[in-house]
């Protein structure tokens, strides 16, 4: 399985929890050299003041556990 496939599999696992709250998430890019995934929140998550907590405490944690070659998940600019 490619790195992109692994990353997308994790996103599909966390997506339902975000969608239950009216939000969503998409992968914008994977910086393979830096081992970083860039994501964008949308819907209710897009402007949520807690999105950084969701990003680091939920999305990044799941990503690092399941795809150990990834070291960080960041919001895309």
N, C-alpha and C. Protein backbone atom coordinates (compact mmCIF):
# COMPACT_ATOMS: atom_id res chain seq x y z
N UNK A 1 0.86 -1.18 0.00
CA UNK A 1 0.00 0.00 0.00
C UNK A 1 0.90 1.24 0.00
N UNK A 2 0.59 2.19 -0.86
CA UNK A 2 1.38 3.42 -0.96
C UNK A 2 1.11 4.33 0.24
N UNK A 3 2.00 5.29 0.43
CA UNK A 3 1.83 6.25 1.52
C UNK A 3 0.52 7.02 1.35
N UNK A 4 0.21 7.42 0.14
CA UNK A 4 -1.04 8.14 -0.13
C UNK A 4 -2.25 7.30 0.25
N UNK A 5 -2.22 6.02 -0.09
CA UNK A 5 -3.33 5.13 0.25
C UNK A 5 -3.47 4.98 1.76
N UNK A 6 -2.35 4.87 2.46
CA UNK A 6 -2.38 4.74 3.91
C UNK A 6 -2.97 6.00 4.55
N UNK A 7 -2.52 7.15 4.08
CA UNK A 7 -3.01 8.43 4.61
C UNK A 7 -4.51 8.57 4.36
N UNK A 8 -4.94 8.26 3.15
CA UNK A 8 -6.37 8.36 2.83
C UNK A 8 -7.20 7.38 3.64
N UNK A 9 -6.66 6.21 3.96
CA UNK A 9 -7.38 5.23 4.77
C UNK A 9 -7.63 5.79 6.18
N UNK A 10 -6.65 6.48 6.73
CA UNK A 10 -6.82 7.08 8.06
C UNK A 10 -7.85 8.20 7.99
N UNK A 11 -7.78 9.02 6.96
CA UNK A 11 -8.76 10.11 6.80
C UNK A 11 -10.17 9.53 6.73
N UNK A 12 -10.34 8.44 6.03
CA UNK A 12 -11.67 7.81 5.94
C UNK A 12 -12.14 7.29 7.29
N UNK A 13 -11.21 6.92 8.16
CA UNK A 13 -11.59 6.46 9.51
C UNK A 13 -12.02 7.60 10.41
N UNK A 14 -11.36 8.77 10.29
CA UNK A 14 -11.70 9.89 11.17
C UNK A 14 -12.86 10.74 10.62
N UNK A 15 -13.07 10.66 9.32
CA UNK A 15 -14.10 11.49 8.67
C UNK A 15 -15.49 11.35 9.29
N UNK A 16 -15.98 10.14 9.58
CA UNK A 16 -17.35 10.03 10.13
C UNK A 16 -17.55 10.82 11.43
N UNK A 17 -16.55 10.85 12.29
CA UNK A 17 -16.68 11.61 13.54
C UNK A 17 -16.82 13.10 13.25
N UNK A 18 -16.07 13.59 12.28
CA UNK A 18 -16.16 15.01 11.90
C UNK A 18 -17.50 15.31 11.23
N UNK A 19 -17.95 14.39 10.40
CA UNK A 19 -19.22 14.59 9.71
C UNK A 19 -20.41 14.58 10.67
N UNK A 20 -20.30 13.82 11.75
CA UNK A 20 -21.39 13.83 12.75
C UNK A 20 -21.57 15.21 13.36
N UNK A 21 -20.50 15.98 13.39
CA UNK A 21 -20.57 17.34 13.93
C UNK A 21 -20.75 18.39 12.85
N UNK A 22 -21.03 17.96 11.63
CA UNK A 22 -21.29 18.90 10.54
C UNK A 22 -20.07 19.35 9.79
N UNK A 23 -18.94 18.68 9.99
CA UNK A 23 -17.70 19.08 9.32
C UNK A 23 -17.19 18.01 8.39
N UNK A 24 -16.01 18.25 7.86
CA UNK A 24 -15.36 17.28 6.98
C UNK A 24 -13.88 17.63 6.92
N UNK A 25 -13.12 16.74 6.28
CA UNK A 25 -11.68 16.92 6.16
C UNK A 25 -11.24 16.38 4.82
N UNK A 26 -10.23 17.01 4.24
CA UNK A 26 -9.65 16.51 2.99
C UNK A 26 -8.14 16.65 3.05
N UNK A 27 -7.46 15.73 2.39
CA UNK A 27 -6.02 15.81 2.27
C UNK A 27 -5.69 16.76 1.13
N UNK A 28 -4.88 17.75 1.39
CA UNK A 28 -4.46 18.72 0.38
C UNK A 28 -3.15 18.28 -0.26
N UNK A 29 -2.22 17.80 0.58
CA UNK A 29 -0.92 17.38 0.06
C UNK A 29 -0.24 16.50 1.09
N UNK A 30 0.70 15.71 0.62
CA UNK A 30 1.56 14.92 1.49
C UNK A 30 2.99 15.32 1.16
N UNK A 31 3.66 15.92 2.12
CA UNK A 31 5.05 16.34 1.94
C UNK A 31 5.93 15.18 2.38
N UNK A 32 6.23 14.31 1.43
CA UNK A 32 6.93 13.08 1.76
C UNK A 32 8.32 13.32 2.34
N UNK A 33 9.02 14.35 1.86
CA UNK A 33 10.36 14.66 2.38
C UNK A 33 10.31 15.00 3.87
N UNK A 34 9.28 15.77 4.24
CA UNK A 34 9.13 16.23 5.62
C UNK A 34 8.28 15.31 6.48
N UNK A 35 7.64 14.32 5.84
CA UNK A 35 6.75 13.37 6.54
C UNK A 35 5.55 14.09 7.16
N UNK A 36 5.00 15.05 6.41
CA UNK A 36 3.90 15.89 6.89
C UNK A 36 2.71 15.76 5.95
N UNK A 37 1.52 15.70 6.54
CA UNK A 37 0.28 15.69 5.77
C UNK A 37 -0.40 17.03 5.96
N UNK A 38 -0.79 17.67 4.87
CA UNK A 38 -1.53 18.93 4.92
C UNK A 38 -3.00 18.63 4.66
N UNK A 39 -3.85 19.13 5.54
CA UNK A 39 -5.29 18.88 5.42
C UNK A 39 -6.06 20.19 5.46
N UNK A 40 -7.31 20.11 5.03
CA UNK A 40 -8.21 21.26 5.10
C UNK A 40 -9.51 20.79 5.72
N UNK A 41 -9.98 21.53 6.71
CA UNK A 41 -11.28 21.27 7.30
C UNK A 41 -12.33 22.06 6.54
N UNK A 42 -13.55 21.54 6.49
CA UNK A 42 -14.65 22.27 5.86
C UNK A 42 -15.91 22.09 6.70
N UNK A 43 -16.97 22.77 6.28
CA UNK A 43 -18.21 22.71 7.03
C UNK A 43 -18.03 23.33 8.40
N UNK A 44 -18.66 22.74 9.40
CA UNK A 44 -18.60 23.27 10.76
C UNK A 44 -17.17 23.28 11.30
N UNK A 45 -16.33 22.38 10.83
CA UNK A 45 -14.94 22.31 11.31
C UNK A 45 -14.08 23.44 10.74
N UNK A 46 -14.48 23.99 9.60
CA UNK A 46 -13.68 25.00 8.93
C UNK A 46 -13.42 26.24 9.77
N UNK A 47 -14.40 26.69 10.50
CA UNK A 47 -14.24 27.89 11.30
C UNK A 47 -14.30 27.64 12.80
N UNK A 48 -14.28 26.38 13.19
CA UNK A 48 -14.40 26.02 14.60
C UNK A 48 -13.17 26.46 15.39
N UNK A 49 -13.36 27.11 16.53
CA UNK A 49 -12.21 27.53 17.33
C UNK A 49 -11.46 26.35 17.95
N UNK A 50 -12.05 25.18 17.95
CA UNK A 50 -11.40 23.99 18.51
C UNK A 50 -10.71 23.15 17.44
N UNK A 51 -10.62 23.64 16.23
CA UNK A 51 -10.10 22.81 15.15
C UNK A 51 -8.63 22.41 15.35
N UNK A 52 -7.84 23.26 15.99
CA UNK A 52 -6.44 22.87 16.24
C UNK A 52 -6.36 21.71 17.22
N UNK A 53 -7.24 21.70 18.20
CA UNK A 53 -7.30 20.58 19.13
C UNK A 53 -7.74 19.31 18.40
N UNK A 54 -8.73 19.43 17.55
CA UNK A 54 -9.18 18.30 16.74
C UNK A 54 -8.06 17.82 15.84
N UNK A 55 -7.36 18.75 15.23
CA UNK A 55 -6.27 18.40 14.33
C UNK A 55 -5.18 17.62 15.05
N UNK A 56 -4.68 18.15 16.15
CA UNK A 56 -3.55 17.54 16.84
C UNK A 56 -3.97 16.36 17.72
N UNK A 57 -5.07 16.50 18.44
CA UNK A 57 -5.47 15.48 19.39
C UNK A 57 -6.24 14.32 18.81
N UNK A 58 -6.77 14.49 17.63
CA UNK A 58 -7.58 13.43 17.02
C UNK A 58 -7.01 12.98 15.69
N UNK A 59 -6.92 13.89 14.73
CA UNK A 59 -6.48 13.51 13.39
C UNK A 59 -5.00 13.12 13.39
N UNK A 60 -4.14 13.98 13.93
CA UNK A 60 -2.71 13.68 13.92
C UNK A 60 -2.40 12.42 14.73
N UNK A 61 -3.04 12.27 15.86
CA UNK A 61 -2.80 11.10 16.70
C UNK A 61 -3.15 9.82 15.93
N UNK A 62 -4.29 9.80 15.27
CA UNK A 62 -4.68 8.63 14.49
C UNK A 62 -3.71 8.39 13.34
N UNK A 63 -3.28 9.46 12.70
CA UNK A 63 -2.38 9.34 11.55
C UNK A 63 -1.03 8.76 11.98
N UNK A 64 -0.45 9.29 13.03
CA UNK A 64 0.88 8.85 13.49
C UNK A 64 0.82 7.39 13.99
N UNK A 65 -0.27 7.02 14.63
CA UNK A 65 -0.41 5.64 15.10
C UNK A 65 -0.49 4.65 13.95
N UNK A 66 -1.22 5.01 12.91
CA UNK A 66 -1.47 4.07 11.82
C UNK A 66 -0.49 4.18 10.66
N UNK A 67 0.14 5.34 10.53
CA UNK A 67 1.11 5.55 9.45
C UNK A 67 2.37 6.14 10.11
N UNK A 68 3.20 5.29 10.71
CA UNK A 68 4.33 5.78 11.51
C UNK A 68 5.34 6.61 10.72
N UNK A 69 5.35 6.50 9.41
CA UNK A 69 6.28 7.31 8.63
C UNK A 69 5.85 8.78 8.57
N UNK A 70 4.62 9.08 8.95
CA UNK A 70 4.13 10.46 9.03
C UNK A 70 4.41 10.97 10.45
N UNK A 71 4.98 12.17 10.53
CA UNK A 71 5.33 12.73 11.83
C UNK A 71 4.42 13.87 12.27
N UNK A 72 3.69 14.47 11.32
CA UNK A 72 2.86 15.62 11.66
C UNK A 72 1.73 15.80 10.66
N UNK A 73 0.62 16.34 11.16
CA UNK A 73 -0.50 16.75 10.30
C UNK A 73 -0.70 18.23 10.56
N UNK A 74 -0.74 19.01 9.48
CA UNK A 74 -0.90 20.48 9.59
C UNK A 74 -2.07 20.94 8.73
N UNK A 75 -2.60 22.10 9.10
CA UNK A 75 -3.60 22.75 8.27
C UNK A 75 -2.93 23.36 7.05
N UNK A 76 -3.53 23.17 5.90
CA UNK A 76 -3.03 23.79 4.68
C UNK A 76 -3.37 25.27 4.71
N UNK A 77 -2.52 26.09 4.14
CA UNK A 77 -2.77 27.54 4.07
C UNK A 77 -3.85 27.86 3.08
